[in-house]
């Protein structure tokens, strides 16, 4: 595969997983009790952060691959959102349940970024650095969600 195509594929995969992350956190905002303002604010922060990630990735797709970025989501992400909705309907919308499902989504994002870093060895330094920076920020989000979940136990 040509490097330009590989860049487009890797970055578009990240855009799709980020679209899943956005939709997942939007669902979490809706499912979170009005009294859990701390969680709502955190989830809204992650929505804004991830939209920023996608703007940066979209610019890189256009610059390095000469393509329009993908706007979709992954099939796995759609299934995860259905599962979140079903689980919260059955078990309730308590903090721990919502945080558990958010962590599962963060695990998927972490895996996608780690996979992308493995694929990006031959990419321009600027693209590698973009992926690495976003992976670091995403990992901080993952760890924050995990720590909040652990504190709810």
N, C-alpha and C. Protein backbone atom coordinates (compact mmCIF):
# COMPACT_ATOMS: atom_id res chain seq x y z
N UNK A 1 0.85 -1.17 0.00
CA UNK A 1 0.00 0.00 0.00
C UNK A 1 0.89 1.24 0.00
N UNK A 2 0.52 2.20 -0.79
CA UNK A 2 1.26 3.45 -0.87
C UNK A 2 1.15 4.21 0.46
N UNK A 3 2.20 4.95 0.80
CA UNK A 3 2.24 5.65 2.08
C UNK A 3 1.07 6.61 2.24
N UNK A 4 0.71 7.33 1.18
CA UNK A 4 -0.42 8.27 1.26
C UNK A 4 -1.71 7.53 1.62
N UNK A 5 -1.92 6.37 1.00
CA UNK A 5 -3.13 5.59 1.29
C UNK A 5 -3.10 5.08 2.73
N UNK A 6 -1.93 4.65 3.16
CA UNK A 6 -1.79 4.13 4.53
C UNK A 6 -2.06 5.23 5.55
N UNK A 7 -1.53 6.43 5.29
CA UNK A 7 -1.80 7.57 6.17
C UNK A 7 -3.30 7.82 6.24
N UNK A 8 -3.95 7.85 5.09
CA UNK A 8 -5.40 8.09 5.06
C UNK A 8 -6.14 7.02 5.84
N UNK A 9 -5.78 5.75 5.64
CA UNK A 9 -6.46 4.66 6.33
C UNK A 9 -6.29 4.76 7.85
N UNK A 10 -5.06 4.97 8.29
CA UNK A 10 -4.79 5.03 9.73
C UNK A 10 -5.49 6.23 10.37
N UNK A 11 -5.38 7.39 9.75
CA UNK A 11 -6.00 8.59 10.33
C UNK A 11 -7.51 8.52 10.27
N UNK A 12 -8.06 7.96 9.19
CA UNK A 12 -9.51 7.81 9.11
C UNK A 12 -10.03 6.81 10.14
N UNK A 13 -9.25 5.77 10.43
CA UNK A 13 -9.65 4.85 11.50
C UNK A 13 -9.72 5.58 12.84
N UNK A 14 -8.75 6.46 13.08
CA UNK A 14 -8.78 7.25 14.32
C UNK A 14 -9.97 8.20 14.34
N UNK A 15 -10.27 8.81 13.21
CA UNK A 15 -11.43 9.70 13.14
C UNK A 15 -12.70 8.92 13.48
N UNK A 16 -12.84 7.71 12.94
CA UNK A 16 -14.03 6.91 13.22
C UNK A 16 -14.12 6.52 14.70
N UNK A 17 -13.02 6.09 15.28
CA UNK A 17 -13.06 5.72 16.71
C UNK A 17 -13.32 6.96 17.56
N UNK A 18 -12.81 8.11 17.12
CA UNK A 18 -13.10 9.35 17.84
C UNK A 18 -14.56 9.75 17.70
N UNK A 19 -15.15 9.51 16.53
CA UNK A 19 -16.59 9.76 16.37
C UNK A 19 -17.38 8.88 17.34
N UNK A 20 -16.92 7.63 17.51
CA UNK A 20 -17.54 6.74 18.50
C UNK A 20 -17.40 7.34 19.91
N UNK A 21 -16.22 7.86 20.21
CA UNK A 21 -15.96 8.43 21.53
C UNK A 21 -16.88 9.63 21.78
N UNK A 22 -17.03 10.48 20.76
CA UNK A 22 -17.92 11.63 20.89
C UNK A 22 -19.34 11.17 21.18
N UNK A 23 -19.84 10.26 20.37
CA UNK A 23 -21.22 9.79 20.56
C UNK A 23 -21.39 9.07 21.89
N UNK A 24 -20.37 8.31 22.30
CA UNK A 24 -20.43 7.63 23.59
C UNK A 24 -20.53 8.60 24.75
N UNK A 25 -19.72 9.65 24.70
CA UNK A 25 -19.77 10.63 25.79
C UNK A 25 -21.03 11.48 25.72
N UNK A 26 -21.56 11.73 24.53
CA UNK A 26 -22.83 12.43 24.44
C UNK A 26 -23.94 11.59 25.07
N UNK A 27 -23.90 10.27 24.83
CA UNK A 27 -24.86 9.36 25.46
C UNK A 27 -24.68 9.37 26.97
N UNK A 28 -23.43 9.37 27.42
CA UNK A 28 -23.16 9.39 28.87
C UNK A 28 -23.69 10.67 29.51
N UNK A 29 -23.55 11.80 28.82
CA UNK A 29 -24.09 13.07 29.34
C UNK A 29 -25.60 12.94 29.52
N UNK A 30 -26.27 12.37 28.51
CA UNK A 30 -27.73 12.22 28.59
C UNK A 30 -28.14 11.25 29.69
N UNK A 31 -27.35 10.19 29.91
CA UNK A 31 -27.70 9.16 30.88
C UNK A 31 -27.31 9.51 32.31
N UNK A 32 -26.48 10.52 32.48
CA UNK A 32 -26.00 10.90 33.80
C UNK A 32 -27.04 11.76 34.51
N UNK A 33 -27.23 11.47 35.78
CA UNK A 33 -28.19 12.21 36.59
C UNK A 33 -27.83 13.69 36.62
N UNK A 34 -28.85 14.53 36.68
CA UNK A 34 -28.62 15.98 36.73
C UNK A 34 -27.79 16.36 37.94
N UNK A 35 -27.83 15.54 39.00
CA UNK A 35 -27.08 15.87 40.22
C UNK A 35 -25.58 15.56 40.09
N UNK A 36 -25.21 14.78 39.09
CA UNK A 36 -23.80 14.44 38.87
C UNK A 36 -23.15 15.44 37.91
N UNK A 37 -23.17 16.70 38.32
CA UNK A 37 -22.66 17.76 37.45
C UNK A 37 -21.18 17.60 37.15
N UNK A 38 -20.43 16.99 38.08
CA UNK A 38 -19.01 16.77 37.85
C UNK A 38 -18.79 15.83 36.67
N UNK A 39 -19.58 14.75 36.61
CA UNK A 39 -19.45 13.82 35.49
C UNK A 39 -19.90 14.45 34.18
N UNK A 40 -21.04 15.14 34.22
CA UNK A 40 -21.53 15.79 33.00
C UNK A 40 -20.46 16.74 32.44
N UNK A 41 -19.84 17.53 33.31
CA UNK A 41 -18.81 18.47 32.87
C UNK A 41 -17.61 17.73 32.29
N UNK A 42 -17.20 16.64 32.93
CA UNK A 42 -16.06 15.86 32.44
C UNK A 42 -16.38 15.26 31.07
N UNK A 43 -17.57 14.68 30.94
CA UNK A 43 -17.96 14.07 29.68
C UNK A 43 -18.04 15.11 28.56
N UNK A 44 -18.56 16.29 28.88
CA UNK A 44 -18.62 17.36 27.87
C UNK A 44 -17.22 17.82 27.48
N UNK A 45 -16.30 17.83 28.44
CA UNK A 45 -14.90 18.16 28.13
C UNK A 45 -14.34 17.15 27.14
N UNK A 46 -14.60 15.86 27.35
CA UNK A 46 -14.08 14.83 26.45
C UNK A 46 -14.71 14.92 25.06
N UNK A 47 -15.97 15.34 24.99
CA UNK A 47 -16.59 15.56 23.68
C UNK A 47 -15.83 16.67 22.95
N UNK A 48 -15.60 17.79 23.62
CA UNK A 48 -14.88 18.92 23.00
C UNK A 48 -13.45 18.52 22.64
N UNK A 49 -12.77 17.81 23.53
CA UNK A 49 -11.41 17.36 23.27
C UNK A 49 -11.36 16.49 22.01
N UNK A 50 -12.30 15.58 21.91
CA UNK A 50 -12.29 14.64 20.79
C UNK A 50 -12.66 15.33 19.48
N UNK A 51 -13.52 16.32 19.52
CA UNK A 51 -13.80 17.10 18.32
C UNK A 51 -12.54 17.82 17.85
N UNK A 52 -11.76 18.31 18.81
CA UNK A 52 -10.47 18.95 18.47
C UNK A 52 -9.53 17.93 17.83
N UNK A 53 -9.46 16.73 18.40
CA UNK A 53 -8.65 15.66 17.82
C UNK A 53 -9.04 15.44 16.36
N UNK A 54 -10.34 15.37 16.11
CA UNK A 54 -10.80 15.09 14.75
C UNK A 54 -10.50 16.22 13.78
N UNK A 55 -10.55 17.46 14.25
CA UNK A 55 -10.16 18.58 13.38
C UNK A 55 -8.70 18.43 12.98
N UNK A 56 -7.85 18.11 13.96
CA UNK A 56 -6.42 17.95 13.68
C UNK A 56 -6.17 16.77 12.74
N UNK A 57 -6.85 15.66 12.98
CA UNK A 57 -6.69 14.49 12.12
C UNK A 57 -7.19 14.77 10.71
N UNK A 58 -8.31 15.47 10.60
CA UNK A 58 -8.88 15.81 9.29
C UNK A 58 -7.92 16.67 8.48
N UNK A 59 -7.30 17.64 9.16
CA UNK A 59 -6.31 18.48 8.49
C UNK A 59 -5.13 17.64 8.00
N UNK A 60 -4.71 16.68 8.80
CA UNK A 60 -3.58 15.82 8.41
C UNK A 60 -3.96 14.91 7.24
N UNK A 61 -5.20 14.41 7.23
CA UNK A 61 -5.65 13.58 6.09
C UNK A 61 -5.59 14.40 4.82
N UNK A 62 -6.10 15.62 4.87
CA UNK A 62 -6.11 16.48 3.69
C UNK A 62 -4.68 16.82 3.25
N UNK A 63 -3.82 17.15 4.20
CA UNK A 63 -2.46 17.58 3.89
C UNK A 63 -1.59 16.44 3.38
N UNK A 64 -1.63 15.30 4.04
CA UNK A 64 -0.68 14.23 3.73
C UNK A 64 -1.24 13.16 2.81
N UNK A 65 -2.56 13.05 2.73
CA UNK A 65 -3.14 12.01 1.88
C UNK A 65 -3.93 12.59 0.72
N UNK A 66 -4.21 13.89 0.79
CA UNK A 66 -4.94 14.54 -0.29
C UNK A 66 -6.37 14.03 -0.43
N UNK A 67 -6.96 13.61 0.68
CA UNK A 67 -8.32 13.07 0.67
C UNK A 67 -9.20 13.83 1.64
N UNK A 68 -10.51 13.62 1.48
CA UNK A 68 -11.45 14.12 2.46
C UNK A 68 -11.50 13.13 3.61
N UNK A 69 -11.56 13.61 4.84
CA UNK A 69 -11.60 12.70 5.98
C UNK A 69 -12.92 11.95 6.08
N UNK A 70 -12.89 10.79 6.72
CA UNK A 70 -14.07 9.98 6.95
C UNK A 70 -14.95 10.66 7.99
N UNK A 71 -16.26 10.53 7.86
CA UNK A 71 -17.18 11.14 8.82
C UNK A 71 -17.95 10.11 9.62
N UNK A 72 -17.73 8.82 9.35
CA UNK A 72 -18.53 7.77 9.96
C UNK A 72 -18.06 7.35 11.34
N UNK A 73 -18.68 6.27 11.81
CA UNK A 73 -18.30 5.64 13.07
C UNK A 73 -18.03 4.18 12.78
N UNK A 74 -17.54 3.46 13.77
CA UNK A 74 -17.28 2.04 13.58
C UNK A 74 -18.51 1.23 13.94
N UNK A 75 -18.62 0.05 13.37
CA UNK A 75 -19.72 -0.85 13.71
C UNK A 75 -19.64 -1.23 15.19
N UNK A 76 -18.44 -1.47 15.67
CA UNK A 76 -18.25 -1.82 17.07
C UNK A 76 -18.75 -0.69 17.97
N UNK A 77 -18.47 0.55 17.59
CA UNK A 77 -18.92 1.69 18.38
C UNK A 77 -20.43 1.79 18.43
N UNK A 78 -21.08 1.53 17.31
CA UNK A 78 -22.55 1.55 17.28
C UNK A 78 -23.11 0.49 18.21
N UNK A 79 -22.52 -0.70 18.16
CA UNK A 79 -22.97 -1.78 19.04
C UNK A 79 -22.73 -1.44 20.50
N UNK A 80 -21.60 -0.80 20.80
CA UNK A 80 -21.30 -0.41 22.18
C UNK A 80 -22.32 0.59 22.70
N UNK A 81 -22.72 1.56 21.87
CA UNK A 81 -23.73 2.53 22.31
C UNK A 81 -25.07 1.86 22.56
N UNK A 82 -25.43 0.89 21.73
CA UNK A 82 -26.67 0.14 21.95
C UNK A 82 -26.58 -0.60 23.29
N UNK A 83 -25.42 -1.22 23.54
CA UNK A 83 -25.20 -1.93 24.80
C UNK A 83 -25.31 -0.97 25.99
N UNK A 84 -24.72 0.21 25.89
CA UNK A 84 -24.80 1.20 26.98
C UNK A 84 -26.27 1.53 27.25
N UNK A 85 -27.02 1.81 26.19
CA UNK A 85 -28.43 2.15 26.36
C UNK A 85 -29.21 1.01 27.01
N UNK A 86 -28.96 -0.22 26.54
CA UNK A 86 -29.65 -1.38 27.09
C UNK A 86 -29.27 -1.60 28.55
N UNK A 87 -27.98 -1.54 28.84
CA UNK A 87 -27.51 -1.78 30.20
C UNK A 87 -28.05 -0.74 31.17
N UNK A 88 -28.04 0.53 30.78
CA UNK A 88 -28.53 1.56 31.69
C UNK A 88 -30.04 1.46 31.87
N UNK A 89 -30.74 0.95 30.86
CA UNK A 89 -32.18 0.74 31.00
C UNK A 89 -32.46 -0.37 32.02
N UNK A 90 -31.66 -1.43 31.96
CA UNK A 90 -31.86 -2.58 32.84
C UNK A 90 -31.32 -2.33 34.24
N UNK A 91 -30.09 -1.85 34.34
CA UNK A 91 -29.42 -1.75 35.64
C UNK A 91 -29.54 -0.38 36.28
N UNK A 92 -30.03 0.58 35.56
CA UNK A 92 -30.09 1.93 36.09
C UNK A 92 -28.92 2.76 35.59
N UNK A 93 -28.99 4.04 35.90
CA UNK A 93 -27.99 4.97 35.37
C UNK A 93 -27.14 5.51 36.51
N UNK A 94 -26.64 4.60 37.34
CA UNK A 94 -25.81 5.04 38.45
C UNK A 94 -24.41 5.39 37.93
N UNK A 95 -23.69 6.13 38.73
CA UNK A 95 -22.36 6.62 38.35
C UNK A 95 -21.42 5.49 37.96
N UNK A 96 -21.39 4.44 38.77
CA UNK A 96 -20.43 3.38 38.50
C UNK A 96 -20.73 2.68 37.18
N UNK A 97 -22.00 2.41 36.88
CA UNK A 97 -22.34 1.76 35.61
C UNK A 97 -21.94 2.62 34.42
N UNK A 98 -22.22 3.90 34.52
CA UNK A 98 -21.87 4.81 33.42
C UNK A 98 -20.35 4.89 33.27
N UNK A 99 -19.63 4.98 34.38
CA UNK A 99 -18.17 5.05 34.31
C UNK A 99 -17.57 3.76 33.78
N UNK A 100 -18.15 2.61 34.13
CA UNK A 100 -17.67 1.33 33.59
C UNK A 100 -17.78 1.31 32.08
N UNK A 101 -18.92 1.76 31.57
CA UNK A 101 -19.11 1.75 30.12
C UNK A 101 -18.22 2.79 29.44
N UNK A 102 -18.01 3.92 30.08
CA UNK A 102 -17.08 4.91 29.52
C UNK A 102 -15.67 4.34 29.46
N UNK A 103 -15.28 3.60 30.48
CA UNK A 103 -13.94 3.01 30.46
C UNK A 103 -13.82 1.99 29.34
N UNK A 104 -14.86 1.23 29.08
CA UNK A 104 -14.82 0.28 27.95
C UNK A 104 -14.60 1.03 26.64
N UNK A 105 -15.29 2.15 26.48
CA UNK A 105 -15.07 2.96 25.28
C UNK A 105 -13.66 3.51 25.21
N UNK A 106 -13.13 3.93 26.36
CA UNK A 106 -11.75 4.44 26.41
C UNK A 106 -10.75 3.33 26.09
N UNK A 107 -11.05 2.10 26.51
CA UNK A 107 -10.17 0.97 26.16
C UNK A 107 -10.10 0.80 24.64
N UNK A 108 -11.24 0.93 23.97
CA UNK A 108 -11.26 0.81 22.50
C UNK A 108 -10.45 1.94 21.86
N UNK A 109 -10.59 3.15 22.39
CA UNK A 109 -9.82 4.28 21.86
C UNK A 109 -8.33 4.07 22.08
N UNK A 110 -7.97 3.60 23.27
CA UNK A 110 -6.56 3.36 23.59
C UNK A 110 -5.96 2.34 22.62
N UNK A 111 -6.71 1.27 22.36
CA UNK A 111 -6.23 0.24 21.44
C UNK A 111 -6.05 0.82 20.03
N UNK A 112 -7.01 1.63 19.59
CA UNK A 112 -6.93 2.22 18.25
C UNK A 112 -5.69 3.11 18.13
N UNK A 113 -5.43 3.92 19.14
CA UNK A 113 -4.25 4.79 19.10
C UNK A 113 -2.96 3.99 19.16
N UNK A 114 -2.92 2.94 19.97
CA UNK A 114 -1.72 2.09 20.02
C UNK A 114 -1.49 1.40 18.68
N UNK A 115 -2.57 0.92 18.05
CA UNK A 115 -2.45 0.31 16.73
C UNK A 115 -1.94 1.33 15.71
N UNK A 116 -2.47 2.55 15.78
CA UNK A 116 -2.06 3.61 14.85
C UNK A 116 -0.58 3.94 15.02
N UNK A 117 -0.12 3.99 16.26
CA UNK A 117 1.30 4.27 16.50
C UNK A 117 2.18 3.18 15.90
N UNK A 118 1.72 1.95 15.97
CA UNK A 118 2.46 0.85 15.36
C UNK A 118 2.51 0.93 13.85
N UNK A 119 1.45 1.44 13.25
CA UNK A 119 1.37 1.57 11.79
C UNK A 119 2.11 2.80 11.27
N UNK A 120 2.35 3.78 12.12
CA UNK A 120 2.84 5.09 11.68
C UNK A 120 4.36 5.19 11.59
N UNK A 121 5.05 4.08 11.64
CA UNK A 121 6.52 4.11 11.66
C UNK A 121 7.10 4.85 10.45
N UNK A 122 6.51 4.68 9.28
CA UNK A 122 7.03 5.30 8.06
C UNK A 122 6.36 6.64 7.75
N UNK A 123 5.54 7.13 8.65
CA UNK A 123 4.82 8.37 8.39
C UNK A 123 5.72 9.58 8.65
N UNK A 124 5.36 10.74 8.08
CA UNK A 124 6.10 11.96 8.40
C UNK A 124 6.09 12.21 9.91
N UNK A 125 7.15 12.82 10.40
CA UNK A 125 7.30 13.07 11.83
C UNK A 125 6.12 13.83 12.40
N UNK A 126 5.62 14.80 11.65
CA UNK A 126 4.49 15.61 12.13
C UNK A 126 3.25 14.74 12.39
N UNK A 127 3.01 13.76 11.52
CA UNK A 127 1.86 12.87 11.69
C UNK A 127 2.08 11.95 12.88
N UNK A 128 3.29 11.42 13.00
CA UNK A 128 3.61 10.56 14.15
C UNK A 128 3.41 11.32 15.46
N UNK A 129 3.88 12.56 15.49
CA UNK A 129 3.77 13.37 16.71
C UNK A 129 2.31 13.68 17.03
N UNK A 130 1.51 13.96 16.02
CA UNK A 130 0.09 14.22 16.22
C UNK A 130 -0.57 13.00 16.87
N UNK A 131 -0.32 11.83 16.31
CA UNK A 131 -0.91 10.60 16.86
C UNK A 131 -0.42 10.38 18.29
N UNK A 132 0.87 10.55 18.53
CA UNK A 132 1.44 10.34 19.86
C UNK A 132 0.84 11.31 20.88
N UNK A 133 0.73 12.59 20.51
CA UNK A 133 0.16 13.58 21.43
C UNK A 133 -1.29 13.26 21.77
N UNK A 134 -2.07 12.90 20.75
CA UNK A 134 -3.46 12.55 21.00
C UNK A 134 -3.56 11.28 21.84
N UNK A 135 -2.70 10.31 21.56
CA UNK A 135 -2.70 9.06 22.34
C UNK A 135 -2.41 9.36 23.81
N UNK A 136 -1.48 10.26 24.07
CA UNK A 136 -1.15 10.63 25.45
C UNK A 136 -2.34 11.29 26.15
N UNK A 137 -3.01 12.21 25.45
CA UNK A 137 -4.17 12.88 26.03
C UNK A 137 -5.31 11.89 26.26
N UNK A 138 -5.51 11.00 25.29
CA UNK A 138 -6.57 10.00 25.42
C UNK A 138 -6.29 9.08 26.61
N UNK A 139 -5.03 8.70 26.79
CA UNK A 139 -4.66 7.83 27.92
C UNK A 139 -4.93 8.53 29.25
N UNK A 140 -4.69 9.82 29.31
CA UNK A 140 -5.01 10.57 30.53
C UNK A 140 -6.51 10.51 30.82
N UNK A 141 -7.31 10.63 29.75
CA UNK A 141 -8.76 10.52 29.91
C UNK A 141 -9.16 9.13 30.39
N UNK A 142 -8.57 8.12 29.78
CA UNK A 142 -8.84 6.74 30.18
C UNK A 142 -8.54 6.55 31.67
N UNK A 143 -7.38 7.01 32.09
CA UNK A 143 -6.97 6.83 33.48
C UNK A 143 -7.87 7.60 34.45
N UNK A 144 -8.31 8.78 34.05
CA UNK A 144 -9.21 9.58 34.89
C UNK A 144 -10.54 8.85 35.07
N UNK A 145 -11.08 8.31 33.97
CA UNK A 145 -12.34 7.56 34.04
C UNK A 145 -12.16 6.32 34.92
N UNK A 146 -11.07 5.60 34.72
CA UNK A 146 -10.79 4.40 35.52
C UNK A 146 -10.70 4.75 37.01
N UNK A 147 -9.98 5.82 37.33
CA UNK A 147 -9.82 6.21 38.73
C UNK A 147 -11.16 6.61 39.35
N UNK A 148 -11.97 7.34 38.60
CA UNK A 148 -13.30 7.71 39.10
C UNK A 148 -14.14 6.46 39.34
N UNK A 149 -14.09 5.53 38.41
CA UNK A 149 -14.84 4.28 38.56
C UNK A 149 -14.37 3.52 39.79
N UNK A 150 -13.06 3.42 39.96
CA UNK A 150 -12.52 2.70 41.12
C UNK A 150 -12.94 3.35 42.44
N UNK A 151 -13.05 4.67 42.45
CA UNK A 151 -13.46 5.38 43.67
C UNK A 151 -14.93 5.20 43.99
N UNK A 152 -15.71 4.75 43.00
CA UNK A 152 -17.14 4.51 43.22
C UNK A 152 -17.39 3.14 43.84
N UNK A 153 -16.39 2.27 43.82
CA UNK A 153 -16.57 0.90 44.33
C UNK A 153 -16.75 0.86 45.82
